[in-house]
Amino acid sequence: MNDFEYVNPVKVLFGKGKIAKIKDEVPAGARVLITYGGGSIKKNGVYEQVINNLPGRTVLEFGGIEANPAYEKLMNAAEIVRREKINFLLAVGGGSVLDGTKFIAAAAKYEGGDPWDIFTKQQPVQGLVPFGTVLTLPATGSEMNPVAVISRESTKLPSPIGYAKFSVIDPETTYSLPPRQVSNGIVDAFAHVLEQYLTYPVNAPLQDRIAESILQTLVEIAPACLEDPPNYEARASLCWCATLALNGLIAQGVPQDWSTHMIGHEMTALSGLDHGQTLAIAYPGTLAACRKNKHAKLLQYGERIFNIHEGSEEQRIDKAIAATRSFFEGVGVKSHLKEYNLDPEIAHTIAKRLDDRGWNHLGERQDIGPEKVEEILSYSY
């Protein structure tokens, strides 16, 4: 296991009724901007709970943050923050709302340039408007990590921004989610773990076991999450799995991949597919194309997650890859390009876009370039 430093300052308020706790977390007398997506929070009672627990604060709203939050729209919100002297942001929604709010918090404090440079030129964040989150869609882990993924002109980029002051995770807020969003969330959380686990051994048995426990739990609870939406125990486990999958814990001291996510971001930018859908398409291909590099961990993954013990090593790896695709399909997320009416040529376009931006050394060994990207997607036609 490699040396590491791990810091996570987010206070998590987990469980039923925890939205009531925001009155203790948002500063008294604050000027608050609530950010949200399409407005479902005004139909399922979450909005009312939030407003009722912000007494004595001046509250403004900014809605309509998209599933792939757009730079241009977020900059409008940043201008509102500056103009209205907002001193606290409260993101209420899923990962896209949380990511967008992180960017708003940074853009409102950015001086002397384009805040997009944080993503394209790795310019430092100059400051952050303090923000908290109320999570309504478990998937991205954005409630407990510093990363934001933002879109601009058919480009979707991730960058570290900063941490929330607090995050409320009440599993009951997820009951009204459409099945498609729950399915995507399960795939997203599963893929987050794989990016940090399915690489190569570095003598990190505890990290492996923590990662495997998240994967095993997702496999176990997925049916109940989809078939019985008001199953509190299943939804609570899903929420916590999604948070732990990407709060930095399982990444410490181990190599990480993230090539599938980079491919998926490009696919979303080009096609508009959901993030979870692009991961379901690309991940089996990543495992197939990179099976030599991932050989030992693929065998361990197959044995410990899908109970694959019989056959030669190569046969067991084949079964592990097939089981991964079957899991994605089993939770309702299709895993082939043709099922989304996407032309196979998209593989070449994605490879070129990544190469043009200099992202041609992806993966845990930095050996995934344009040809390998096309090979990865060739398994998903």
Protein backbone atom coordinates (compact mmCIF):
# COMPACT_ATOMS: atom_id res chain seq x y z
CA MET A 1 0.00 0.00 0.00
CA ASN A 2 1.36 3.43 -0.98
CA ASP A 3 1.79 6.40 1.36
CA PHE A 4 -1.02 8.95 1.40
CA GLU A 5 -2.62 11.96 3.08
CA TYR A 6 -6.40 11.95 3.46
CA VAL A 7 -8.54 14.95 4.43
CA ASN A 8 -12.33 15.09 4.25
CA PRO A 9 -13.93 18.00 6.13
CA VAL A 10 -17.58 17.38 5.20
CA LYS A 11 -20.04 16.97 8.06
CA VAL A 12 -22.59 14.32 7.06
CA LEU A 13 -26.12 14.43 8.52
CA PHE A 14 -27.54 11.02 7.60
CA GLY A 15 -31.03 9.64 8.17
CA LYS A 16 -34.74 10.37 8.37
CA GLY A 17 -35.69 13.94 9.16
CA LYS A 18 -32.17 15.28 8.98
CA ILE A 19 -33.21 18.17 6.71
CA ALA A 20 -34.42 19.79 9.92
CA LYS A 21 -30.77 20.06 10.98
CA ILE A 22 -29.92 22.65 8.33
CA LYS A 23 -31.26 25.38 10.61
CA ASP A 24 -28.32 24.59 12.89
CA GLU A 25 -25.77 24.53 10.07
CA VAL A 26 -26.59 27.53 7.86
CA PRO A 27 -25.33 30.71 9.59
CA ALA A 28 -28.01 32.83 11.25
CA GLY A 29 -28.91 35.87 9.16
CA ALA A 30 -27.23 34.44 6.04
CA ARG A 31 -28.20 35.46 2.54
CA VAL A 32 -28.85 32.06 0.99
CA LEU A 33 -29.20 31.00 -2.64
CA ILE A 34 -30.95 27.63 -2.99
CA THR A 35 -29.93 25.82 -6.17
CA TYR A 36 -31.90 22.94 -7.68
CA GLY A 37 -32.71 21.15 -10.92
CA GLY A 38 -35.97 20.67 -12.74
CA GLY A 39 -38.29 21.37 -9.84
CA SER A 40 -39.09 17.89 -8.53
CA ILE A 41 -38.14 19.08 -5.03
CA LYS A 42 -41.25 21.30 -5.12
CA LYS A 43 -43.44 18.26 -5.80
CA ASN A 44 -42.03 15.73 -3.33
CA GLY A 45 -41.96 17.94 -0.24
CA VAL A 46 -38.20 18.44 -0.03
CA TYR A 47 -38.36 22.12 -0.96
CA GLU A 48 -40.93 22.82 1.75
CA GLN A 49 -38.79 21.06 4.35
CA VAL A 50 -35.76 23.12 3.34
CA ILE A 51 -37.58 26.46 3.40
CA ASN A 52 -39.20 25.70 6.75
CA ASN A 53 -35.78 25.13 8.27
CA LEU A 54 -34.20 28.40 7.14
CA PRO A 55 -35.90 30.87 9.50
CA GLY A 56 -34.32 34.29 9.77
CA ARG A 57 -32.38 33.93 6.53
CA THR A 58 -32.89 35.83 3.30
CA VAL A 59 -33.55 33.11 0.72
CA LEU A 60 -33.29 33.37 -3.07
CA GLU A 61 -33.61 30.54 -5.60
CA PHE A 62 -31.87 29.42 -8.76
CA GLY A 63 -33.45 26.43 -10.51
CA GLY A 64 -33.10 24.59 -13.79
CA ILE A 65 -29.57 23.22 -13.37
CA GLU A 66 -29.33 20.50 -16.00
CA ALA A 67 -28.28 16.87 -15.72
CA ASN A 68 -24.97 17.94 -17.27
CA PRO A 69 -24.65 21.40 -15.70
CA ALA A 70 -23.87 24.03 -18.32
CA TYR A 71 -21.16 26.62 -17.75
CA GLU A 72 -23.23 29.42 -19.24
CA LYS A 73 -26.19 28.84 -16.93
CA LEU A 74 -23.99 28.49 -13.88
CA MET A 75 -22.27 31.78 -14.68
CA ASN A 76 -25.70 33.43 -14.53
CA ALA A 77 -26.06 32.08 -11.01
CA ALA A 78 -22.58 33.31 -10.08
CA GLU A 79 -23.61 36.80 -11.16
CA ILE A 80 -26.68 36.59 -8.91
CA VAL A 81 -24.41 35.59 -6.02
CA ARG A 82 -22.25 38.66 -6.56
CA ARG A 83 -25.11 41.07 -7.22
CA GLU A 84 -27.27 39.94 -4.32
CA LYS A 85 -24.34 39.57 -1.90
CA ILE A 86 -25.14 35.91 -1.29
CA ASN A 87 -22.93 34.48 1.44
CA PHE A 88 -24.19 30.86 1.56
CA LEU A 89 -25.24 28.41 -1.15
CA LEU A 90 -27.51 25.43 -0.52
CA ALA A 91 -27.59 22.78 -3.24
CA VAL A 92 -30.74 20.64 -3.16
CA GLY A 93 -30.71 17.78 -5.65
CA GLY A 94 -28.48 15.15 -7.22
CA GLY A 95 -24.87 15.19 -8.28
CA SER A 96 -25.32 17.63 -11.15
CA VAL A 97 -26.91 20.24 -8.88
CA LEU A 98 -24.16 19.71 -6.32
CA ASP A 99 -21.43 19.91 -8.97
CA GLY A 100 -22.98 23.01 -10.47
CA THR A 101 -23.18 24.65 -7.07
CA LYS A 102 -19.51 23.97 -6.41
CA PHE A 103 -18.68 25.79 -9.62
CA ILE A 104 -21.01 28.69 -8.76
CA ALA A 105 -19.24 28.97 -5.39
CA ALA A 106 -15.86 29.22 -7.12
CA ALA A 107 -16.93 31.36 -10.10
CA ALA A 108 -18.48 34.02 -7.84
CA LYS A 109 -15.06 34.53 -6.25
CA TYR A 110 -12.95 34.24 -9.41
CA GLU A 111 -11.18 37.42 -10.49
CA GLY A 112 -9.15 38.44 -13.53
CA GLY A 113 -10.02 35.67 -15.95
CA ASP A 114 -12.44 33.01 -17.10
CA PRO A 115 -13.45 30.51 -14.37
CA TRP A 116 -13.47 27.84 -17.08
CA ASP A 117 -9.66 27.98 -16.78
CA ILE A 118 -10.06 25.99 -13.54
CA PHE A 119 -11.02 23.06 -15.77
CA THR A 120 -8.98 23.63 -18.92
CA LYS A 121 -5.79 25.17 -17.51
CA GLN A 122 -5.87 23.80 -13.97
CA GLN A 123 -5.91 27.35 -12.58
CA PRO A 124 -6.35 27.41 -8.78
CA VAL A 125 -9.67 28.16 -7.16
CA GLN A 126 -9.37 31.69 -5.74
CA GLY A 127 -12.03 31.32 -3.07
CA LEU A 128 -15.37 29.71 -2.37
CA VAL A 129 -18.73 30.95 -1.22
CA PRO A 130 -19.55 28.51 1.62
CA PHE A 131 -22.10 25.88 0.61
CA GLY A 132 -24.04 22.94 1.96
CA THR A 133 -25.97 20.18 0.23
CA VAL A 134 -29.22 18.27 0.58
CA LEU A 135 -28.81 15.12 -1.50
CA THR A 136 -31.86 13.69 -3.30
CA LEU A 137 -30.18 11.30 -5.77
CA PRO A 138 -27.44 8.86 -4.65
CA ALA A 139 -24.88 8.36 -7.40
CA THR A 140 -21.92 10.69 -7.75
CA GLY A 141 -20.57 11.08 -4.22
CA SER A 142 -20.41 14.82 -4.84
CA GLU A 143 -21.89 15.41 -1.39
CA MET A 144 -18.60 14.32 0.20
CA ASN A 145 -15.92 15.00 -2.41
CA PRO A 146 -14.46 18.22 -3.88
CA VAL A 147 -14.91 17.42 -7.58
CA ALA A 148 -17.29 19.09 -10.04
CA VAL A 149 -18.04 17.99 -13.60
CA ILE A 150 -19.20 20.85 -15.83
CA SER A 151 -20.18 21.08 -19.52
CA ARG A 152 -19.41 23.83 -22.00
CA GLU A 153 -19.95 23.74 -25.75
CA SER A 154 -20.03 19.93 -26.07
CA THR A 155 -17.13 19.55 -23.66
CA LYS A 156 -17.60 17.91 -20.26
CA LEU A 157 -14.73 18.29 -17.81
CA PRO A 158 -14.02 17.39 -14.17
CA SER A 159 -11.92 19.38 -11.70
CA PRO A 160 -11.42 19.60 -7.94
CA ILE A 161 -13.24 22.67 -6.58
CA GLY A 162 -13.91 22.33 -2.85
CA TYR A 163 -15.88 20.62 -0.10
CA ALA A 164 -19.33 21.35 1.28
CA LYS A 165 -19.61 22.55 4.86
CA PHE A 166 -22.24 19.89 5.46
CA SER A 167 -24.30 17.37 3.53
CA VAL A 168 -27.75 16.09 4.44
CA ILE A 169 -28.49 12.56 3.25
CA ASP A 170 -32.06 11.50 3.99
CA PRO A 171 -32.89 8.26 2.13
CA GLU A 172 -36.60 9.11 2.18
CA THR A 173 -35.99 11.95 -0.29
CA THR A 174 -35.08 9.32 -2.90
CA TYR A 175 -38.40 7.45 -2.84
CA SER A 176 -39.95 9.49 -5.65
CA LEU A 177 -37.01 9.12 -8.06
CA PRO A 178 -37.83 7.63 -11.48
CA PRO A 179 -36.45 4.09 -11.90
CA ARG A 180 -34.07 5.28 -14.62
CA GLN A 181 -32.32 7.63 -12.21
CA VAL A 182 -32.04 4.96 -9.54
CA SER A 183 -30.60 2.52 -12.09
CA ASN A 184 -28.08 5.07 -13.32
CA GLY A 185 -27.12 5.86 -9.74
CA ILE A 186 -26.41 2.21 -8.98
CA VAL A 187 -24.22 1.88 -12.08
CA ASP A 188 -22.41 5.13 -11.31
CA ALA A 189 -21.59 4.11 -7.74
CA PHE A 190 -20.48 0.64 -8.87
CA ALA A 191 -18.22 2.13 -11.55
CA HIS A 192 -16.70 4.61 -9.10
CA VAL A 193 -15.54 1.72 -6.96
CA LEU A 194 -14.17 -0.22 -9.93
CA GLU A 195 -12.08 2.77 -11.04
CA GLN A 196 -10.25 2.67 -7.71
CA TYR A 197 -10.25 -1.09 -7.10
CA LEU A 198 -9.92 -2.91 -10.42
CA THR A 199 -6.34 -1.97 -11.28
CA TYR A 200 -3.38 -4.00 -9.98
CA PRO A 201 -2.38 -5.31 -6.53
CA VAL A 202 -0.32 -3.09 -4.20
CA ASN A 203 -0.70 -5.11 -1.00
CA ALA A 204 -3.69 -3.10 0.24
CA PRO A 205 -5.97 -5.80 1.65
CA LEU A 206 -8.08 -3.46 3.78
CA GLN A 207 -8.71 -1.07 0.89
CA ASP A 208 -9.66 -4.02 -1.28
CA ARG A 209 -12.08 -5.35 1.32
CA ILE A 210 -13.73 -1.96 1.83
CA ALA A 211 -14.16 -1.57 -1.94
CA GLU A 212 -15.48 -5.12 -2.25
CA SER A 213 -17.99 -4.58 0.54
CA ILE A 214 -19.45 -1.61 -1.36
CA LEU A 215 -19.67 -3.66 -4.56
CA GLN A 216 -21.23 -6.64 -2.76
CA THR A 217 -23.76 -4.39 -1.05
CA LEU A 218 -24.78 -2.77 -4.34
CA VAL A 219 -25.29 -6.19 -5.93
CA GLU A 220 -27.33 -7.30 -2.92
CA ILE A 221 -29.62 -4.27 -2.56
CA ALA A 222 -30.13 -3.34 -6.23
CA PRO A 223 -33.31 -5.44 -6.69
CA ALA A 224 -35.02 -4.00 -3.61
CA CYS A 225 -34.04 -0.44 -4.58
CA LEU A 226 -35.79 -0.87 -7.92
CA GLU A 227 -38.72 -3.11 -6.98
CA ASP A 228 -39.62 -1.55 -3.63
CA PRO A 229 -38.86 2.23 -3.74
CA PRO A 230 -40.02 3.00 -0.16
CA ASN A 231 -37.72 0.32 1.28
CA TYR A 232 -35.83 2.52 3.73
CA GLU A 233 -33.11 -0.01 4.54
CA ALA A 234 -32.27 -0.60 0.87
CA ARG A 235 -32.32 3.09 -0.02
CA ALA A 236 -30.22 3.97 3.04
CA SER A 237 -27.62 1.41 1.99
CA LEU A 238 -27.62 2.74 -1.57
CA CYS A 239 -27.11 6.29 -0.35
CA TRP A 240 -24.20 5.35 1.88
CA CYS A 241 -22.63 3.12 -0.79
CA ALA A 242 -22.71 5.98 -3.28
CA THR A 243 -21.12 8.36 -0.77
CA LEU A 244 -18.35 5.98 0.30
CA ALA A 245 -17.68 5.02 -3.32
CA LEU A 246 -16.23 8.46 -4.05
CA ASN A 247 -15.42 10.29 -0.83
CA GLY A 248 -11.72 9.50 -1.18
CA LEU A 249 -11.55 6.72 1.39
CA ILE A 250 -11.02 3.71 -0.86
CA ALA A 251 -8.65 5.67 -3.15
CA GLN A 252 -5.99 6.13 -0.48
CA GLY A 253 -2.75 4.27 -1.10
CA VAL A 254 -3.90 2.47 -4.24
CA PRO A 255 -3.62 3.13 -8.01
CA GLN A 256 -6.65 4.53 -9.83
CA ASP A 257 -7.88 4.17 -13.39
CA TRP A 258 -10.67 6.65 -14.43
CA SER A 259 -10.26 6.00 -18.16
CA THR A 260 -13.86 4.74 -18.41
CA HIS A 261 -15.14 7.94 -16.83
CA MET A 262 -13.18 10.10 -19.27
CA ILE A 263 -14.59 8.09 -22.18
CA GLY A 264 -18.06 8.34 -20.65
CA HIS A 265 -17.84 12.12 -20.26
CA GLU A 266 -17.01 12.46 -23.95
CA MET A 267 -19.87 10.15 -24.92
CA THR A 268 -22.32 12.18 -22.85
CA ALA A 269 -21.07 15.44 -24.37
CA LEU A 270 -21.49 14.05 -27.90
CA SER A 271 -24.71 12.06 -27.54
CA GLY A 272 -26.54 13.39 -24.50
CA LEU A 273 -26.71 9.96 -22.90
CA ASP A 274 -26.95 9.76 -19.13
CA HIS A 275 -23.63 9.38 -17.34
CA GLY A 276 -24.64 6.00 -15.96
CA GLN A 277 -25.57 4.79 -19.42
CA THR A 278 -22.16 5.70 -20.86
CA LEU A 279 -20.41 3.88 -18.01
CA ALA A 280 -22.48 0.75 -18.64
CA ILE A 281 -21.44 0.93 -22.30
CA ALA A 282 -17.74 1.55 -21.74
CA TYR A 283 -16.82 -0.37 -18.59
CA PRO A 284 -17.08 -3.96 -19.88
CA GLY A 285 -14.92 -2.86 -22.81
CA THR A 286 -12.31 -1.35 -20.51
CA LEU A 287 -12.07 -4.62 -18.61
CA ALA A 288 -11.83 -6.63 -21.83
CA ALA A 289 -9.27 -4.38 -23.54
CA CYS A 290 -7.14 -4.01 -20.39
CA ARG A 291 -7.48 -7.55 -19.07
CA LYS A 292 -3.72 -8.18 -19.17
CA ASN A 293 -2.95 -5.19 -16.94
CA LYS A 294 -5.88 -5.98 -14.66
CA HIS A 295 -5.38 -9.76 -14.67
CA ALA A 296 -4.83 -10.37 -10.95
CA LYS A 297 -7.52 -7.99 -9.77
CA LEU A 298 -10.03 -9.29 -12.33
CA LEU A 299 -9.59 -12.78 -10.90
CA GLN A 300 -10.01 -11.45 -7.36
CA TYR A 301 -13.05 -9.38 -8.39
CA GLY A 302 -14.72 -12.32 -10.09
CA GLU A 303 -14.18 -14.58 -7.11
CA ARG A 304 -15.16 -12.18 -4.36
CA ILE A 305 -18.02 -10.26 -6.01
CA PHE A 306 -19.60 -12.82 -8.34
CA ASN A 307 -18.43 -16.08 -6.74
CA ILE A 308 -16.57 -17.21 -9.89
CA HIS A 309 -14.26 -20.10 -9.03
CA GLU A 310 -14.40 -22.59 -11.88
CA GLY A 311 -12.46 -22.66 -15.14
CA SER A 312 -9.04 -21.49 -16.27
CA GLU A 313 -7.86 -18.02 -15.30
CA GLU A 314 -8.82 -16.62 -18.72
CA GLN A 315 -12.23 -18.28 -18.54
CA ARG A 316 -12.82 -16.81 -15.10
CA ILE A 317 -11.88 -13.37 -16.35
CA ASP A 318 -14.31 -13.77 -19.25
CA LYS A 319 -17.02 -14.67 -16.73
CA ALA A 320 -16.18 -11.67 -14.51
CA ILE A 321 -16.47 -9.28 -17.44
CA ALA A 322 -19.73 -10.89 -18.55
CA ALA A 323 -21.08 -10.70 -15.00
CA THR A 324 -20.30 -6.98 -14.90
CA ARG A 325 -22.27 -6.38 -18.08
CA SER A 326 -25.10 -8.57 -16.79
CA PHE A 327 -25.25 -6.59 -13.56
CA PHE A 328 -25.61 -3.32 -15.46
CA GLU A 329 -28.25 -4.82 -17.74
CA GLY A 330 -29.97 -6.39 -14.75
CA VAL A 331 -30.53 -3.02 -13.08
CA GLY A 332 -32.03 -1.71 -16.30
CA VAL A 333 -29.12 0.08 -17.99
CA LYS A 334 -28.35 -1.07 -21.53
CA SER A 335 -24.69 -1.66 -22.33
CA HIS A 336 -24.34 -1.64 -26.12
CA LEU A 337 -23.99 1.34 -28.45
CA LYS A 338 -26.56 -0.07 -30.88
CA GLU A 339 -29.19 -0.14 -28.13
CA TYR A 340 -28.91 3.66 -27.96
CA ASN A 341 -28.82 4.03 -31.77
CA LEU A 342 -25.24 5.29 -31.66
CA ASP A 343 -23.04 4.88 -34.72
CA PRO A 344 -19.85 2.84 -34.13
CA GLU A 345 -17.94 5.84 -35.53
CA ILE A 346 -18.47 7.57 -32.20
CA ALA A 347 -15.54 5.49 -30.91
CA HIS A 348 -13.13 7.23 -33.28
CA THR A 349 -14.59 10.65 -32.48
CA ILE A 350 -14.22 10.10 -28.74
CA ALA A 351 -10.64 8.86 -29.14
CA LYS A 352 -9.73 11.92 -31.21
CA ARG A 353 -11.33 14.38 -28.79
CA LEU A 354 -9.40 12.90 -25.89
CA ASP A 355 -6.18 12.92 -27.91
CA ASP A 356 -6.68 16.52 -29.02
CA ARG A 357 -6.83 17.61 -25.38
CA GLY A 358 -3.70 15.68 -24.51
CA TRP A 359 -5.55 12.97 -22.60
CA ASN A 360 -3.76 10.16 -24.38
CA HIS A 361 -2.12 8.47 -21.41
CA LEU A 362 -5.15 7.33 -19.45
CA GLY A 363 -5.51 4.45 -17.01
CA GLU A 364 -3.64 3.29 -13.94
CA ARG A 365 -0.52 2.67 -16.06
CA GLN A 366 -1.00 5.73 -18.31
CA ASP A 367 -0.96 3.48 -21.37
CA ILE A 368 -4.46 4.05 -22.79
CA GLY A 369 -4.22 6.17 -25.92
CA PRO A 370 -6.51 6.70 -28.93
CA GLU A 371 -6.17 3.18 -30.34
CA LYS A 372 -6.95 1.60 -26.98
CA VAL A 373 -9.98 3.87 -26.53
CA GLU A 374 -11.35 2.64 -29.86
CA GLU A 375 -10.64 -0.93 -28.84
CA ILE A 376 -12.50 -0.42 -25.58
CA LEU A 377 -15.60 0.79 -27.36
CA SER A 378 -15.34 -1.93 -30.01
CA TYR A 379 -16.53 -4.39 -27.35
CA SER A 380 -19.78 -2.46 -26.99
CA TYR A 381 -21.10 -2.38 -30.55
